C-alpha atoms as a PDB file:
ATOM      1  CA  MET A   1      -6.325  24.385  12.450  1.00  0.00           C
ATOM      2  CA  LYS A   2      -7.493  21.438   9.667  1.00  0.00           C
ATOM      3  CA  ILE A   3      -6.744  18.228  10.919  1.00  0.00           C
ATOM      4  CA  ASN A   4      -6.807  15.765   7.908  1.00  0.00           C
ATOM      5  CA  LEU A   5      -6.494  12.371   8.705  1.00  0.00           C
ATOM      6  CA  ILE A   6      -8.649  10.995   5.721  1.00  0.00           C
ATOM      7  CA  SER A   7      -5.176   9.066   4.453  1.00  0.00           C
ATOM      8  CA  ASP A   8      -1.528   9.391   4.317  1.00  0.00           C
ATOM      9  CA  THR A   9      -1.676  10.470   0.731  1.00  0.00           C
ATOM     10  CA  VAL A  10      -2.842  13.843   2.066  1.00  0.00           C
ATOM     11  CA  THR A  11       0.828  15.124   2.826  1.00  0.00           C
ATOM     12  CA  LYS A  12       3.149  18.002   1.258  1.00  0.00           C
ATOM     13  CA  PRO A  13       6.656  18.112   0.588  1.00  0.00           C
ATOM     14  CA  THR A  14       8.785  19.248   2.899  1.00  0.00           C
ATOM     15  CA  PRO A  15      11.313  21.770   2.781  1.00  0.00           C
ATOM     16  CA  GLY A  16      14.156  19.642   1.602  1.00  0.00           C
ATOM     17  CA  MET A  17      12.125  17.743   0.020  1.00  0.00           C
ATOM     18  CA  LEU A  18      11.138  20.317  -2.603  1.00  0.00           C
ATOM     19  CA  ASP A  19      15.018  21.529  -2.518  1.00  0.00           C
ATOM     20  CA  ALA A  20      15.926  18.291  -4.091  1.00  0.00           C
ATOM     21  CA  MET A  21      12.691  18.260  -6.498  1.00  0.00           C
ATOM     22  CA  MET A  22      13.808  21.843  -7.878  1.00  0.00           C
ATOM     23  CA  ASN A  23      17.656  20.763  -7.721  1.00  0.00           C
ATOM     24  CA  ALA A  24      17.443  17.377  -9.624  1.00  0.00           C
ATOM     25  CA  LYS A  25      19.313  16.570 -13.119  1.00  0.00           C
ATOM     26  CA  VAL A  26      16.498  15.499 -15.701  1.00  0.00           C
ATOM     27  CA  GLY A  27      16.207  14.254 -18.572  1.00  0.00           C
ATOM     28  CA  ASP A  28      13.337  12.084 -20.944  1.00  0.00           C
ATOM     29  CA  ASP A  29      12.600   8.836 -19.090  1.00  0.00           C
ATOM     30  CA  VAL A  30      10.731   7.424 -21.829  1.00  0.00           C
ATOM     31  CA  PHE A  31      14.014   7.009 -23.186  1.00  0.00           C
ATOM     32  CA  LYS A  32      15.512   6.413 -20.178  1.00  0.00           C
ATOM     33  CA  GLU A  33      17.558   9.268 -20.124  1.00  0.00           C
ATOM     34  CA  ASP A  34      17.037  10.712 -16.846  1.00  0.00           C
ATOM     35  CA  PRO A  35      19.274  10.003 -14.411  1.00  0.00           C
ATOM     36  CA  SER A  36      17.124  11.200 -11.033  1.00  0.00           C
ATOM     37  CA  VAL A  37      14.732   8.518 -12.261  1.00  0.00           C
ATOM     38  CA  ASN A  38      17.686   6.259 -13.103  1.00  0.00           C
ATOM     39  CA  VAL A  39      19.097   6.421  -9.536  1.00  0.00           C
ATOM     40  CA  LEU A  40      16.032   6.066  -8.108  1.00  0.00           C
ATOM     41  CA  GLU A  41      15.096   2.675  -9.791  1.00  0.00           C
ATOM     42  CA  GLU A  42      18.789   1.264  -8.541  1.00  0.00           C
ATOM     43  CA  GLN A  43      18.835   2.400  -5.370  1.00  0.00           C
ATOM     44  CA  VAL A  44      15.232   0.441  -5.053  1.00  0.00           C
ATOM     45  CA  ALA A  45      16.229  -2.253  -6.986  1.00  0.00           C
ATOM     46  CA  GLU A  46      19.308  -2.699  -4.451  1.00  0.00           C
ATOM     47  CA  MET A  47      17.366  -2.360  -1.425  1.00  0.00           C
ATOM     48  CA  PHE A  48      15.473  -5.430  -2.204  1.00  0.00           C
ATOM     49  CA  GLY A  49      18.104  -7.280  -3.350  1.00  0.00           C
ATOM     50  CA  MET A  50      16.007  -7.393  -6.679  1.00  0.00           C
ATOM     51  CA  GLU A  51      17.694  -7.364 -10.252  1.00  0.00           C
ATOM     52  CA  SER A  52      15.642  -3.806 -11.435  1.00  0.00           C
ATOM     53  CA  ALA A  53      12.927  -1.738 -10.773  1.00  0.00           C
ATOM     54  CA  LEU A  54      10.744   1.170 -12.853  1.00  0.00           C
ATOM     55  CA  PHE A  55       9.061   4.021 -11.593  1.00  0.00           C
ATOM     56  CA  PHE A  56       5.614   4.744 -12.190  1.00  0.00           C
ATOM     57  CA  PRO A  57       2.958   7.171 -11.618  1.00  0.00           C
ATOM     58  CA  SER A  58       0.580   5.419  -9.129  1.00  0.00           C
ATOM     59  CA  GLY A  59       0.612   2.146  -6.936  1.00  0.00           C
ATOM     60  CA  THR A  60      -2.436   0.928  -8.957  1.00  0.00           C
ATOM     61  CA  MET A  61      -0.481   1.215 -11.912  1.00  0.00           C
ATOM     62  CA  THR A  62       2.233  -0.792 -10.717  1.00  0.00           C
ATOM     63  CA  ASN A  63      -0.243  -3.769  -9.301  1.00  0.00           C
ATOM     64  CA  GLN A  64      -1.784  -3.818 -12.572  1.00  0.00           C
ATOM     65  CA  THR A  65       1.360  -4.192 -14.682  1.00  0.00           C
ATOM     66  CA  ALA A  66       2.402  -6.791 -12.400  1.00  0.00           C
ATOM     67  CA  ILE A  67      -0.473  -8.746 -12.576  1.00  0.00           C
ATOM     68  CA  LYS A  68      -0.451  -8.027 -16.305  1.00  0.00           C
ATOM     69  CA  LEU A  69       2.749  -9.894 -16.050  1.00  0.00           C
ATOM     70  CA  HIS A  70       1.714 -12.786 -14.719  1.00  0.00           C
ATOM     71  CA  THR A  71      -1.659 -13.685 -16.289  1.00  0.00           C
ATOM     72  CA  GLN A  72      -2.876 -14.515 -19.462  1.00  0.00           C
ATOM     73  CA  PRO A  73      -6.897 -13.566 -19.969  1.00  0.00           C
ATOM     74  CA  GLY A  74      -8.992 -15.803 -18.432  1.00  0.00           C
ATOM     75  CA  ASP A  75      -6.735 -16.682 -15.745  1.00  0.00           C
ATOM     76  CA  GLN A  76      -7.388 -16.417 -12.098  1.00  0.00           C
ATOM     77  CA  LEU A  77      -5.472 -14.504  -9.286  1.00  0.00           C
ATOM     78  CA  ILE A  78      -5.906 -15.414  -5.460  1.00  0.00           C
ATOM     79  CA  CYS A  79      -6.066 -12.751  -2.729  1.00  0.00           C
ATOM     80  CA  ASP A  80      -7.799 -12.087   0.536  1.00  0.00           C
ATOM     81  CA  LYS A  81     -11.164 -10.565   0.037  1.00  0.00           C
ATOM     82  CA  TYR A  82      -9.913  -7.059   1.616  1.00  0.00           C
ATOM     83  CA  ALA A  83      -7.125  -6.347  -1.009  1.00  0.00           C
ATOM     84  CA  HIS A  84      -6.666  -3.723  -2.170  1.00  0.00           C
ATOM     85  CA  VAL A  85      -6.037  -4.898  -6.199  1.00  0.00           C
ATOM     86  CA  TYR A  86     -10.016  -6.317  -5.769  1.00  0.00           C
ATOM     87  CA  ASN A  87     -11.620  -3.503  -4.111  1.00  0.00           C
ATOM     88  CA  TYR A  88      -9.842  -0.011  -5.001  1.00  0.00           C
ATOM     89  CA  GLU A  89      -8.315  -0.664  -8.167  1.00  0.00           C
ATOM     90  CA  GLY A  90     -11.217   0.080 -10.625  1.00  0.00           C
ATOM     91  CA  GLY A  91     -11.973  -3.136 -11.389  1.00  0.00           C
ATOM     92  CA  GLY A  92      -8.603  -3.230 -13.309  1.00  0.00           C
ATOM     93  CA  VAL A  93      -7.398  -6.825 -12.647  1.00  0.00           C
ATOM     94  CA  SER A  94     -10.500  -7.797 -15.047  1.00  0.00           C
ATOM     95  CA  PHE A  95     -10.560  -4.690 -17.376  1.00  0.00           C
ATOM     96  CA  ASN A  96      -6.677  -4.651 -18.075  1.00  0.00           C
ATOM     97  CA  SER A  97      -5.812  -8.142 -17.774  1.00  0.00           C
ATOM     98  CA  GLY A  98      -8.754 -10.376 -18.237  1.00  0.00           C
ATOM     99  CA  VAL A  99      -8.538 -12.035 -15.160  1.00  0.00           C
ATOM    100  CA  SER A 100     -10.910 -12.667 -11.851  1.00  0.00           C
ATOM    101  CA  CYS A 101     -10.551 -12.818  -8.336  1.00  0.00           C
ATOM    102  CA  ARG A 102     -10.605 -15.915  -6.380  1.00  0.00           C
ATOM    103  CA  LEU A 103     -11.040 -14.210  -3.051  1.00  0.00           C
ATOM    104  CA  VAL A 104     -10.000 -16.127   0.391  1.00  0.00           C
ATOM    105  CA  ASP A 105     -12.089 -15.288   3.734  1.00  0.00           C
ATOM    106  CA  GLY A 106      -9.043 -14.100   5.883  1.00  0.00           C
ATOM    107  CA  SER A 107      -8.274 -12.422   8.930  1.00  0.00           C
ATOM    108  CA  ARG A 108      -8.019  -8.309   8.376  1.00  0.00           C
ATOM    109  CA  GLY A 109      -6.991  -8.861   5.199  1.00  0.00           C
ATOM    110  CA  MET A 110      -4.226 -11.551   5.846  1.00  0.00           C
ATOM    111  CA  MET A 111      -4.786 -15.301   4.614  1.00  0.00           C
ATOM    112  CA  THR A 112      -3.023 -18.580   5.731  1.00  0.00           C
ATOM    113  CA  ALA A 113      -1.198 -20.715   3.349  1.00  0.00           C
ATOM    114  CA  GLU A 114      -3.778 -23.580   3.769  1.00  0.00           C
ATOM    115  CA  GLN A 115      -6.288 -21.141   2.338  1.00  0.00           C
ATOM    116  CA  VAL A 116      -4.140 -20.215  -0.380  1.00  0.00           C
ATOM    117  CA  ILE A 117      -4.247 -24.295  -1.116  1.00  0.00           C
ATOM    118  CA  ALA A 118      -7.752 -24.939  -0.857  1.00  0.00           C
ATOM    119  CA  ALA A 119      -8.492 -21.481  -3.303  1.00  0.00           C
ATOM    120  CA  ILE A 120      -6.169 -23.085  -6.315  1.00  0.00           C
ATOM    121  CA  ASN A 121      -8.312 -24.522  -9.226  1.00  0.00           C
ATOM    122  CA  PRO A 122      -7.036 -28.139 -10.076  1.00  0.00           C
ATOM    123  CA  PRO A 123      -4.846 -27.252 -13.266  1.00  0.00           C
ATOM    124  CA  ASP A 124      -6.288 -29.937 -15.579  1.00  0.00           C
ATOM    125  CA  PHE A 125      -9.609 -29.078 -14.542  1.00  0.00           C
ATOM    126  CA  TYR A 126     -10.657 -26.615 -17.862  1.00  0.00           C
ATOM    127  CA  HIS A 127     -14.186 -25.509 -16.504  1.00  0.00           C
ATOM    128  CA  SER A 128     -12.952 -23.562 -13.895  1.00  0.00           C
ATOM    129  CA  PRO A 129     -10.295 -20.473 -14.438  1.00  0.00           C
ATOM    130  CA  LEU A 130      -6.197 -21.548 -14.597  1.00  0.00           C
ATOM    131  CA  SER A 131      -4.928 -20.205 -11.201  1.00  0.00           C
ATOM    132  CA  THR A 132      -1.637 -18.435 -11.748  1.00  0.00           C
ATOM    133  CA  LEU A 133      -1.014 -15.664  -9.159  1.00  0.00           C
ATOM    134  CA  VAL A 134      -0.750 -14.850  -5.577  1.00  0.00           C
ATOM    135  CA  CYS A 135      -1.196 -11.271  -4.844  1.00  0.00           C
ATOM    136  CA  ILE A 136      -0.209 -10.656  -0.979  1.00  0.00           C
ATOM    137  CA  GLU A 137      -0.662  -6.743   0.430  1.00  0.00           C
ATOM    138  CA  ASN A 138       1.144  -5.211   3.067  1.00  0.00           C
ATOM    139  CA  THR A 139       0.547  -3.341   5.421  1.00  0.00           C
ATOM    140  CA  THR A 140      -3.178  -4.350   4.737  1.00  0.00           C
ATOM    141  CA  ASN A 141      -5.594  -0.955   3.925  1.00  0.00           C
ATOM    142  CA  LYS A 142      -8.815  -2.272   4.787  1.00  0.00           C
ATOM    143  CA  GLY A 143      -7.346  -4.497   7.263  1.00  0.00           C
ATOM    144  CA  GLY A 144      -6.338  -1.869   9.587  1.00  0.00           C
ATOM    145  CA  GLY A 145      -2.607  -1.365   8.626  1.00  0.00           C
ATOM    146  CA  ALA A 146      -1.913  -4.817   9.788  1.00  0.00           C
ATOM    147  CA  CYS A 147       1.272  -6.711   9.279  1.00  0.00           C
ATOM    148  CA  TRP A 148       1.716  -9.803   7.542  1.00  0.00           C
ATOM    149  CA  ASP A 149       3.752 -12.809  10.191  1.00  0.00           C
ATOM    150  CA  PHE A 150       6.628 -12.918   7.923  1.00  0.00           C
ATOM    151  CA  GLU A 151       6.655 -16.734   8.263  1.00  0.00           C
ATOM    152  CA  GLU A 152       3.375 -16.994   7.012  1.00  0.00           C
ATOM    153  CA  LEU A 153       4.431 -15.307   3.746  1.00  0.00           C
ATOM    154  CA  LYS A 154       7.409 -17.741   3.602  1.00  0.00           C
ATOM    155  CA  LYS A 155       4.798 -20.942   4.174  1.00  0.00           C
ATOM    156  CA  ILE A 156       2.781 -19.120   0.964  1.00  0.00           C
ATOM    157  CA  LYS A 157       5.964 -18.766  -1.329  1.00  0.00           C
ATOM    158  CA  THR A 158       6.126 -22.476  -1.069  1.00  0.00           C
ATOM    159  CA  VAL A 159       2.733 -23.036  -1.996  1.00  0.00           C
ATOM    160  CA  CYS A 160       3.669 -20.590  -4.892  1.00  0.00           C
ATOM    161  CA  ASP A 161       6.531 -22.966  -5.778  1.00  0.00           C
ATOM    162  CA  ASP A 162       4.806 -26.424  -4.940  1.00  0.00           C
ATOM    163  CA  HIS A 163       1.943 -25.216  -7.559  1.00  0.00           C
ATOM    164  CA  HIS A 164       3.939 -23.113 -10.192  1.00  0.00           C
ATOM    165  CA  LEU A 165       1.973 -19.301  -8.997  1.00  0.00           C
ATOM    166  CA  ALA A 166       3.799 -16.382  -9.451  1.00  0.00           C
ATOM    167  CA  TYR A 167       3.699 -14.196  -5.978  1.00  0.00           C
ATOM    168  CA  HIS A 168       3.363 -10.671  -6.029  1.00  0.00           C
ATOM    169  CA  LEU A 169       3.140  -8.248  -3.238  1.00  0.00           C
ATOM    170  CA  ASP A 170       1.357  -5.018  -3.054  1.00  0.00           C
ATOM    171  CA  GLY A 171       3.552  -2.801  -0.530  1.00  0.00           C
ATOM    172  CA  ALA A 172       1.779   0.285  -0.783  1.00  0.00           C
ATOM    173  CA  ARG A 173       2.542   0.513   2.950  1.00  0.00           C
ATOM    174  CA  LEU A 174       5.624  -2.108   3.222  1.00  0.00           C
ATOM    175  CA  TRP A 175       7.728   0.708   4.653  1.00  0.00           C
ATOM    176  CA  ASN A 176       5.464   1.034   7.496  1.00  0.00           C
ATOM    177  CA  ALA A 177       5.397  -2.770   7.785  1.00  0.00           C
ATOM    178  CA  LEU A 178       9.330  -2.734   7.728  1.00  0.00           C
ATOM    179  CA  VAL A 179       9.484   0.015  10.792  1.00  0.00           C
ATOM    180  CA  ALA A 180       7.091  -1.551  12.828  1.00  0.00           C
ATOM    181  CA  LYS A 181       8.194  -5.272  12.529  1.00  0.00           C
ATOM    182  CA  GLN A 182      12.041  -4.279  12.081  1.00  0.00           C
ATOM    183  CA  GLU A 183      12.679  -6.329   9.196  1.00  0.00           C
ATOM    184  CA  GLU A 184      14.678  -6.036   6.307  1.00  0.00           C
ATOM    185  CA  ALA A 185      13.485  -5.385   2.352  1.00  0.00           C
ATOM    186  CA  GLN A 186      15.825  -7.878   0.855  1.00  0.00           C
ATOM    187  CA  GLN A 187      13.654 -10.502   2.885  1.00  0.00           C
ATOM    188  CA  TYR A 188      11.053  -9.458   0.533  1.00  0.00           C
ATOM    189  CA  GLY A 189      12.999  -9.395  -2.098  1.00  0.00           C
ATOM    190  CA  LYS A 190      14.130 -12.914  -1.667  1.00  0.00           C
ATOM    191  CA  LEU A 191      10.617 -14.051  -1.654  1.00  0.00           C
ATOM    192  CA  PHE A 192       8.055 -12.730  -4.297  1.00  0.00           C
ATOM    193  CA  ASP A 193       8.352 -12.523  -7.703  1.00  0.00           C
ATOM    194  CA  THR A 194       7.494  -8.506  -8.141  1.00  0.00           C
ATOM    195  CA  ILE A 195       7.006  -6.362  -5.291  1.00  0.00           C
ATOM    196  CA  SER A 196       5.241  -2.835  -5.825  1.00  0.00           C
ATOM    197  CA  VAL A 197       5.811  -0.012  -3.188  1.00  0.00           C
ATOM    198  CA  CYS A 198       4.205   3.239  -3.002  1.00  0.00           C
ATOM    199  CA  LEU A 199       6.288   6.795  -2.396  1.00  0.00           C
ATOM    200  CA  SER A 200       3.206   8.962  -1.869  1.00  0.00           C
ATOM    201  CA  LYS A 201       2.015   7.319   1.497  1.00  0.00           C
ATOM    202  CA  GLY A 202       3.708   7.000   4.695  1.00  0.00           C
ATOM    203  CA  LEU A 203       7.296   8.555   2.741  1.00  0.00           C
ATOM    204  CA  GLY A 204       5.183  11.625   1.546  1.00  0.00           C
ATOM    205  CA  CYS A 205       6.308  12.358  -2.160  1.00  0.00           C
ATOM    206  CA  PRO A 206       3.384  13.947  -4.142  1.00  0.00           C
ATOM    207  CA  VAL A 207       3.442  11.246  -6.601  1.00  0.00           C
ATOM    208  CA  GLY A 208       5.396   7.655  -7.252  1.00  0.00           C
ATOM    209  CA  SER A 209       5.285   4.241  -6.824  1.00  0.00           C
ATOM    210  CA  VAL A 210       8.164   1.281  -8.044  1.00  0.00           C
ATOM    211  CA  LEU A 211       7.717  -2.195  -9.357  1.00  0.00           C
ATOM    212  CA  VAL A 212      10.793  -4.084  -8.147  1.00  0.00           C
ATOM    213  CA  GLY A 213      11.701  -7.624 -10.224  1.00  0.00           C
ATOM    214  CA  SER A 214      13.617  -9.145 -12.380  1.00  0.00           C
ATOM    215  CA  LYS A 215      15.805  -7.576 -15.490  1.00  0.00           C
ATOM    216  CA  GLU A 216      13.200  -9.909 -17.551  1.00  0.00           C
ATOM    217  CA  MET A 217      10.054  -8.414 -15.706  1.00  0.00           C
ATOM    218  CA  VAL A 218      10.838  -5.122 -15.501  1.00  0.00           C
ATOM    219  CA  THR A 219      11.455  -5.037 -19.460  1.00  0.00           C
ATOM    220  CA  LYS A 220       8.327  -6.462 -19.975  1.00  0.00           C
ATOM    221  CA  ALA A 221       6.934  -4.059 -17.766  1.00  0.00           C
ATOM    222  CA  ILE A 222       7.823  -0.965 -19.718  1.00  0.00           C
ATOM    223  CA  ARG A 223       5.968  -1.517 -22.196  1.00  0.00           C
ATOM    224  CA  VAL A 224       3.216  -2.837 -20.441  1.00  0.00           C
ATOM    225  CA  ARG A 225       3.169   1.026 -18.755  1.00  0.00           C
ATOM    226  CA  LYS A 226       3.294   2.152 -22.048  1.00  0.00           C
ATOM    227  CA  VAL A 227       0.085   0.989 -23.215  1.00  0.00           C
ATOM    228  CA  LEU A 228      -1.444   2.013 -20.108  1.00  0.00           C
ATOM    229  CA  GLY A 229      -0.371   5.372 -20.489  1.00  0.00           C
ATOM    230  CA  GLY A 230       2.537   5.971 -17.690  1.00  0.00           C
ATOM    231  CA  GLY A 231       5.342   7.254 -19.494  1.00  0.00           C
ATOM    232  CA  MET A 232       6.557  10.333 -18.012  1.00  0.00           C
ATOM    233  CA  ARG A 233       9.180  12.694 -19.664  1.00  0.00           C
ATOM    234  CA  GLN A 234      11.239  14.738 -17.268  1.00  0.00           C
ATOM    235  CA  ALA A 235       9.983  12.491 -14.015  1.00  0.00           C
ATOM    236  CA  GLY A 236      13.416  13.197 -11.880  1.00  0.00           C
ATOM    237  CA  PHE A 237      12.040  15.984 -10.651  1.00  0.00           C
ATOM    238  CA  LEU A 238       8.914  13.440  -8.965  1.00  0.00           C
ATOM    239  CA  ALA A 239      12.201  10.837  -8.312  1.00  0.00           C
ATOM    240  CA  ALA A 240      14.720  13.202  -6.371  1.00  0.00           C
ATOM    241  CA  ALA A 241      11.589  13.630  -4.189  1.00  0.00           C
ATOM    242  CA  ALA A 242      11.324   9.870  -3.676  1.00  0.00           C
ATOM    243  CA  THR A 243      15.356   9.811  -3.305  1.00  0.00           C
ATOM    244  CA  TYR A 244      14.867  12.048  -0.561  1.00  0.00           C
ATOM    245  CA  ALA A 245      12.072  10.396   1.262  1.00  0.00           C
ATOM    246  CA  LEU A 246      14.240   7.106   1.604  1.00  0.00           C
ATOM    247  CA  GLY A 247      17.031   8.937   3.016  1.00  0.00           C
ATOM    248  CA  HIS A 248      14.951  10.642   5.568  1.00  0.00           C
ATOM    249  CA  HIS A 249      11.656   9.561   5.462  1.00  0.00           C
ATOM    250  CA  ILE A 250      11.862   6.018   6.786  1.00  0.00           C
ATOM    251  CA  GLU A 251      12.969   6.202  10.368  1.00  0.00           C
ATOM    252  CA  ARG A 252      10.037   8.536  11.323  1.00  0.00           C
ATOM    253  CA  LEU A 253       6.979   6.063  10.363  1.00  0.00           C
ATOM    254  CA  SER A 254       7.378   4.897  13.715  1.00  0.00           C
ATOM    255  CA  ASP A 255       5.942   8.604  14.829  1.00  0.00           C
ATOM    256  CA  ASP A 256       3.399   7.953  13.065  1.00  0.00           C
ATOM    257  CA  HIS A 257       2.790   4.556  14.509  1.00  0.00           C
ATOM    258  CA  ARG A 258       3.278   6.167  18.181  1.00  0.00           C
ATOM    259  CA  LYS A 259       0.212   8.799  17.356  1.00  0.00           C
ATOM    260  CA  ALA A 260      -1.964   6.110  15.584  1.00  0.00           C
ATOM    261  CA  LYS A 261      -1.503   3.961  18.876  1.00  0.00           C
ATOM    262  CA  GLU A 262      -2.513   6.577  21.130  1.00  0.00           C
ATOM    263  CA  ILE A 263      -5.455   7.634  19.182  1.00  0.00           C
ATOM    264  CA  GLY A 264      -6.491   3.965  19.234  1.00  0.00           C
ATOM    265  CA  SER A 265      -6.435   3.717  23.045  1.00  0.00           C
ATOM    266  CA  LEU A 266      -8.198   6.870  23.918  1.00  0.00           C
ATOM    267  CA  LEU A 267     -11.101   5.530  21.410  1.00  0.00           C
ATOM    268  CA  SER A 268     -11.290   2.162  23.366  1.00  0.00           C
ATOM    269  CA  ASP A 269     -11.956   4.421  26.242  1.00  0.00           C
ATOM    270  CA  VAL A 270     -14.727   6.446  24.798  1.00  0.00           C
ATOM    271  CA  ASN A 271     -18.451   5.963  25.595  1.00  0.00           C
ATOM    272  CA  TYR A 272     -19.884   6.049  21.777  1.00  0.00           C
ATOM    273  CA  ILE A 273     -16.752   3.795  20.585  1.00  0.00           C
ATOM    274  CA  LYS A 274     -18.439   0.597  19.842  1.00  0.00           C
ATOM    275  CA  LYS A 275     -14.910  -1.047  18.718  1.00  0.00           C
ATOM    276  CA  VAL A 276     -11.805  -0.558  17.867  1.00  0.00           C
ATOM    277  CA  GLU A 277      -9.712  -2.499  15.595  1.00  0.00           C
ATOM    278  CA  PRO A 278      -5.785  -3.632  16.444  1.00  0.00           C
ATOM    279  CA  ILE A 279      -3.263  -1.064  15.735  1.00  0.00           C
ATOM    280  CA  GLU A 280      -0.285  -2.036  14.076  1.00  0.00           C
ATOM    281  CA  THR A 281       1.107   0.465  11.847  1.00  0.00           C
ATOM    282  CA  ASN A 282      -0.541   4.135  11.025  1.00  0.00           C
ATOM    283  CA  ILE A 283      -4.258   3.233   9.952  1.00  0.00           C
ATOM    284  CA  VAL A 284      -6.972   3.620  13.035  1.00  0.00           C
ATOM    285  CA  ILE A 285     -10.381   1.763  11.999  1.00  0.00           C
ATOM    286  CA  PHE A 286     -13.308   1.862  14.515  1.00  0.00           C
ATOM    287  CA  GLU A 287     -16.938   1.328  14.847  1.00  0.00           C
ATOM    288  CA  ILE A 288     -19.488   3.808  16.514  1.00  0.00           C
ATOM    289  CA  ASP A 289     -22.195   2.962  19.076  1.00  0.00           C
ATOM    290  CA  GLU A 290     -25.194   4.112  17.276  1.00  0.00           C
ATOM    291  CA  ASN A 291     -27.171   3.782  20.453  1.00  0.00           C
ATOM    292  CA  TYR A 292     -25.151   7.347  20.878  1.00  0.00           C
ATOM    293  CA  TYR A 293     -25.534   8.709  16.946  1.00  0.00           C
ATOM    294  CA  SER A 294     -24.938   7.195  14.445  1.00  0.00           C
ATOM    295  CA  SER A 295     -21.598   7.617  11.985  1.00  0.00           C
ATOM    296  CA  GLU A 296     -22.780   9.749   9.929  1.00  0.00           C
ATOM    297  CA  VAL A 297     -23.269  12.398  12.819  1.00  0.00           C
ATOM    298  CA  PHE A 298     -19.577  11.694  14.500  1.00  0.00           C
ATOM    299  CA  THR A 299     -18.219  12.647  11.154  1.00  0.00           C
ATOM    300  CA  THR A 300     -20.440  15.544  10.910  1.00  0.00           C
ATOM    301  CA  MET A 301     -19.256  16.657  14.404  1.00  0.00           C
ATOM    302  CA  LEU A 302     -16.072  16.343  13.587  1.00  0.00           C
ATOM    303  CA  LEU A 303     -16.028  18.517  10.380  1.00  0.00           C
ATOM    304  CA  GLN A 304     -17.552  21.065  12.640  1.00  0.00           C
ATOM    305  CA  LYS A 305     -14.109  21.685  14.210  1.00  0.00           C
ATOM    306  CA  ASP A 306     -12.077  21.099  10.875  1.00  0.00           C
ATOM    307  CA  ILE A 307     -11.122  17.425  11.594  1.00  0.00           C
ATOM    308  CA  HIS A 308     -11.591  14.902   8.420  1.00  0.00           C
ATOM    309  CA  ILE A 309     -11.876  11.146   8.317  1.00  0.00           C
ATOM    310  CA  ILE A 310     -13.171   8.992   5.874  1.00  0.00           C
ATOM    311  CA  SER A 311     -15.939   5.868   6.028  1.00  0.00           C
ATOM    312  CA  MET A 312     -14.866   2.617   4.903  1.00  0.00           C
ATOM    313  CA  GLY A 313     -18.267   1.264   4.489  1.00  0.00           C
ATOM    314  CA  GLN A 314     -20.430  -1.058   6.557  1.00  0.00           C
ATOM    315  CA  GLY A 315     -19.953   1.394   9.623  1.00  0.00           C
ATOM    316  CA  LYS A 316     -16.356   1.485  10.121  1.00  0.00           C
ATOM    317  CA  LEU A 317     -14.605   4.887   9.953  1.00  0.00           C
ATOM    318  CA  ARG A 318     -11.132   5.599   9.355  1.00  0.00           C
ATOM    319  CA  MET A 319      -8.145   7.678  10.562  1.00  0.00           C
ATOM    320  CA  VAL A 320      -4.638   7.357   9.014  1.00  0.00           C
ATOM    321  CA  THR A 321      -1.553   9.441  10.701  1.00  0.00           C
ATOM    322  CA  HIS A 322       1.037  10.989   8.770  1.00  0.00           C
ATOM    323  CA  LEU A 323       4.075  13.519   7.792  1.00  0.00           C
ATOM    324  CA  ASP A 324       1.867  16.482   8.069  1.00  0.00           C
ATOM    325  CA  TYR A 325       0.006  15.440  11.143  1.00  0.00           C
ATOM    326  CA  THR A 326       1.997  17.542  13.310  1.00  0.00           C
ATOM    327  CA  ASP A 327       2.069  16.855  17.759  1.00  0.00           C
ATOM    328  CA  ALA A 328       0.153  20.058  17.973  1.00  0.00           C
ATOM    329  CA  MET A 329      -2.697  18.746  15.991  1.00  0.00           C
ATOM    330  CA  HIS A 330      -2.617  15.426  17.652  1.00  0.00           C
ATOM    331  CA  ASP A 331      -2.940  16.859  21.504  1.00  0.00           C
ATOM    332  CA  CYS A 332      -5.557  18.732  19.574  1.00  0.00           C
ATOM    333  CA  LEU A 333      -7.407  15.573  18.398  1.00  0.00           C
ATOM    334  CA  LEU A 334      -6.939  13.555  21.786  1.00  0.00           C
ATOM    335  CA  HIS A 335      -8.214  16.750  23.393  1.00  0.00           C
ATOM    336  CA  ILE A 336     -11.820  17.224  21.485  1.00  0.00           C
ATOM    337  CA  LEU A 337     -12.570  13.615  21.106  1.00  0.00           C
ATOM    338  CA  PRO A 338     -13.371  12.707  24.493  1.00  0.00           C
ATOM    339  CA  LYS A 339     -15.621  15.424  24.779  1.00  0.00           C
ATOM    340  CA  LEU A 340     -17.786  14.886  21.586  1.00  0.00           C
END
């Protein structure tokens, strides 16, 4: 039995999702004539209490479009040093928008309002880049699926308003945060100028993300998406998968969170584990005690049992629970880990 915990992006459509996809009504979305895409965009915009939404093929393109909307070449955005837009989007911030990143040394991918204030360049000092955007990631990928304190997000919003900065949320795993913190999407819609939400992680869709914002922002985003090559034709087959997931796969995220915490609890009691990061959602990040064996040896031992995980670098390993990680797989993993 193969157990794939590399990411929550490895899922395949469920039978119900496949039925929804095969029965989707489609058109040409480049001409905004795909009814299934239009329904999805309206649904997501309504969920967040925002004016409009736009379907994208990837979360990276969604974030990169938002950054392009909020900045001009030569500007600087402020983000945590663990931020996905800086670490895992191929240098797109500089390549696509000509923008640099001011990295903040936060905790588990989360920074404070005071740190944001300290990172803002004086707008009248033309020797430094103009600070124009703050990017938040919730949950934090490199931070181990950590969820932001909403009160801190509100404080950062006040900083943005006071300093005329745009405010973007990379909500690739926001669904996980909403479930874990028992929050509502509209709370975030009231706070951020733009939000990107991924459909192909916790919700289990094969492809897709959505950018949410004002009508003006989304109208501009259509042009940026075209420039980046993100216009799709009969995308309704993919949008139908997302609509199905929004109706069936959000509440079940708590199962992923429970399994991740159980894995973390077991690892904390195993003698060859040096450290397990705090676990709030579906990501488990841990370090091997190299007095026993190296990270490479550990991952090889798991591969020999057809268990697949990923390295985060700097000695950190990661497991991510997801829709296709079954109870049987979970029991098997919990049985194997103490015996390695």
